[in-house]
Amino acid sequence: MLTMLMPESVKFAYMAKLLESVGERIRRCRLAAKLTQQQLGDAAGVSSAAVSQWESGDTKTLKPVNLFKIAVALNKSAEWLITGKGSEEPRWMLHDAVSELPGDDPQQILDFIGYRFEKAEGFIASDKIAHYMKMIENMKRDLQARKKRSP
């Protein structure tokens, strides 16, 4: 195997390039969104210096409320920003997209998604299916509440 022929220093240098810190993810996403540190700071209600510290790793404290504000400003999942795992896209975007569909389409789509998860028993862990089904039910309740509020 090729990796066995590499010296340890090369392996670690390669791994370091693959691993991205929270600050690096924030910086990369901020640049991709064409935002300055000041603009992202304004969206989070903090100074540009705070954003600079997050990005450089000079601070170990990123308050949850600020994390969620920057996640919204960057259109990224807060969980992904912190861990680098899961979907980069925030879940609420899917929820909003489904709720924009006309008539009973949102309800039918959620019913179909629920049906597909139920049929995935044995392929997906049952605790995950239960979690996903709960999310779907919450989305259905939210859709119903939105219908009642709209004229």
Protein backbone atom coordinates (compact mmCIF):
# COMPACT_ATOMS: atom_id res chain seq x y z
CA MET A 1 0.00 0.00 0.00
CA LEU A 2 1.33 3.44 -0.92
CA THR A 3 0.66 5.05 2.47
CA MET A 4 2.94 2.53 4.18
CA LEU A 5 5.82 3.85 2.08
CA MET A 6 5.24 7.46 3.19
CA PRO A 7 7.18 8.84 6.13
CA GLU A 8 5.07 9.76 9.18
CA SER A 9 5.58 13.50 8.65
CA VAL A 10 4.04 13.30 5.17
CA LYS A 11 1.04 11.32 6.46
CA PHE A 12 0.33 13.91 9.16
CA ALA A 13 0.77 16.84 6.78
CA TYR A 14 -1.71 15.19 4.40
CA MET A 15 -4.21 14.54 7.22
CA ALA A 16 -3.92 18.13 8.47
CA LYS A 17 -5.02 19.36 5.05
CA LEU A 18 -8.09 17.13 5.20
CA LEU A 19 -9.12 18.27 8.67
CA GLU A 20 -10.74 21.66 8.77
CA SER A 21 -11.31 23.66 11.94
CA VAL A 22 -14.46 25.53 12.89
CA GLY A 23 -12.72 28.79 12.11
CA GLU A 24 -11.57 27.56 8.72
CA ARG A 25 -15.13 26.48 7.85
CA ILE A 26 -16.51 29.86 8.94
CA ARG A 27 -13.85 31.71 6.92
CA ARG A 28 -14.34 29.57 3.80
CA CYS A 29 -18.13 29.99 3.93
CA ARG A 30 -17.87 33.72 4.64
CA LEU A 31 -15.61 34.19 1.63
CA ALA A 32 -17.87 32.05 -0.57
CA ALA A 33 -20.82 34.21 0.51
CA LYS A 34 -18.73 37.29 -0.40
CA LEU A 35 -19.13 38.74 3.10
CA THR A 36 -16.55 40.78 4.96
CA GLN A 37 -15.74 40.02 8.58
CA GLN A 38 -17.59 43.22 9.45
CA GLN A 39 -20.73 42.11 7.57
CA LEU A 40 -20.73 38.69 9.24
CA GLY A 41 -20.09 40.34 12.59
CA ASP A 42 -23.04 42.69 12.01
CA ALA A 43 -25.27 39.70 11.21
CA ALA A 44 -24.19 37.99 14.45
CA GLY A 45 -24.25 41.17 16.53
CA VAL A 46 -20.51 41.04 17.28
CA SER A 47 -17.45 42.96 16.18
CA SER A 48 -15.33 42.13 13.16
CA ALA A 49 -12.53 41.43 15.66
CA ALA A 50 -14.64 38.62 17.16
CA VAL A 51 -15.16 37.11 13.70
CA SER A 52 -11.41 37.38 13.08
CA GLN A 53 -10.73 35.55 16.36
CA TRP A 54 -13.21 32.76 15.45
CA GLU A 55 -11.62 32.32 12.06
CA SER A 56 -8.05 32.31 13.34
CA GLY A 57 -8.80 30.04 16.27
CA ASP A 58 -7.55 32.67 18.74
CA THR A 59 -10.69 32.19 20.80
CA LYS A 60 -12.18 28.98 22.09
CA THR A 61 -15.54 30.55 22.95
CA LEU A 62 -18.21 30.79 20.32
CA LYS A 63 -21.53 31.38 22.03
CA PRO A 64 -24.38 29.20 20.72
CA VAL A 65 -26.52 32.25 19.97
CA ASN A 66 -23.73 33.70 17.81
CA LEU A 67 -23.16 30.35 16.13
CA PHE A 68 -26.79 30.17 15.05
CA LYS A 69 -26.74 33.76 13.82
CA ILE A 70 -23.69 33.13 11.64
CA ALA A 71 -25.15 29.84 10.43
CA VAL A 72 -28.24 31.71 9.21
CA ALA A 73 -26.12 34.48 7.66
CA LEU A 74 -24.02 31.87 5.83
CA ASN A 75 -26.94 29.54 4.98
CA LYS A 76 -25.13 26.66 6.66
CA SER A 77 -26.06 24.12 9.28
CA ALA A 78 -24.82 25.16 12.74
CA GLU A 79 -24.04 21.51 13.48
CA TRP A 80 -21.89 21.28 10.35
CA LEU A 81 -20.08 24.54 11.14
CA ILE A 82 -19.06 23.22 14.56
CA THR A 83 -18.35 19.55 13.77
CA GLY A 84 -17.77 19.40 10.03
CA LYS A 85 -20.18 16.44 10.00
CA GLY A 86 -23.62 16.05 8.53
CA SER A 87 -25.19 18.19 5.90
CA GLU A 88 -23.73 21.59 5.16
CA GLU A 89 -27.17 22.82 4.19
CA PRO A 90 -29.46 23.81 7.05
CA ARG A 91 -32.55 21.68 7.55
CA TRP A 92 -34.84 24.68 7.80
CA MET A 93 -34.21 25.47 4.15
CA LEU A 94 -35.86 22.21 3.11
CA HIS A 95 -38.73 22.93 5.49
CA ASP A 96 -39.24 26.39 3.98
CA ALA A 97 -38.99 25.04 0.43
CA VAL A 98 -41.62 22.36 1.08
CA SER A 99 -43.94 24.84 2.79
CA GLU A 100 -43.86 27.08 -0.31
CA LEU A 101 -45.56 24.44 -2.46
CA PRO A 102 -49.21 25.10 -3.32
CA GLY A 103 -52.28 23.34 -1.94
CA ASP A 104 -51.83 19.97 -0.28
CA ASP A 105 -48.45 19.32 -1.95
CA PRO A 106 -46.41 19.94 1.24
CA GLN A 107 -48.54 17.49 3.24
CA GLN A 108 -48.35 14.87 0.48
CA ILE A 109 -44.57 15.22 0.20
CA LEU A 110 -44.13 14.83 3.96
CA ASP A 111 -46.45 11.80 3.94
CA PHE A 112 -44.39 10.25 1.14
CA ILE A 113 -41.11 10.91 2.94
CA GLY A 114 -42.56 9.32 6.09
CA TYR A 115 -43.73 6.32 4.07
CA ARG A 116 -40.26 5.88 2.55
CA PHE A 117 -38.64 5.98 5.99
CA GLU A 118 -41.07 3.38 7.29
CA LYS A 119 -40.16 1.14 4.34
CA ALA A 120 -36.45 1.62 5.13
CA GLU A 121 -36.79 -0.39 8.35
CA GLY A 122 -33.81 -2.72 8.47
CA PHE A 123 -31.70 -0.43 6.29
CA ILE A 124 -31.70 2.51 8.68
CA ALA A 125 -31.41 2.14 12.45
CA SER A 126 -34.83 2.18 14.12
CA ASP A 127 -33.84 4.99 16.50
CA LYS A 128 -32.91 7.16 13.50
CA ILE A 129 -36.19 6.34 11.77
CA ALA A 130 -38.07 7.33 14.93
CA HIS A 131 -36.12 10.60 15.03
CA TYR A 132 -36.85 11.34 11.36
CA MET A 133 -40.53 10.51 11.78
CA LYS A 134 -40.71 12.91 14.73
CA MET A 135 -39.12 15.62 12.55
CA ILE A 136 -41.69 14.97 9.83
CA GLU A 137 -44.55 15.18 12.33
CA ASN A 138 -43.17 18.48 13.63
CA MET A 139 -42.99 19.82 10.08
CA LYS A 140 -46.60 18.75 9.48
CA ARG A 141 -47.74 20.55 12.64
CA ASP A 142 -45.83 23.66 11.57
CA LEU A 143 -47.44 23.56 8.13
CA GLN A 144 -50.90 23.30 9.70
CA ALA A 145 -50.14 26.23 12.00
CA ARG A 146 -48.95 28.29 9.02
CA LYS A 147 -52.18 27.51 7.14
CA LYS A 148 -54.27 28.69 10.08
CA ARG A 149 -52.30 31.95 10.31
CA SER A 150 -52.40 32.77 6.58
CA PRO A 151 -55.39 34.71 5.22
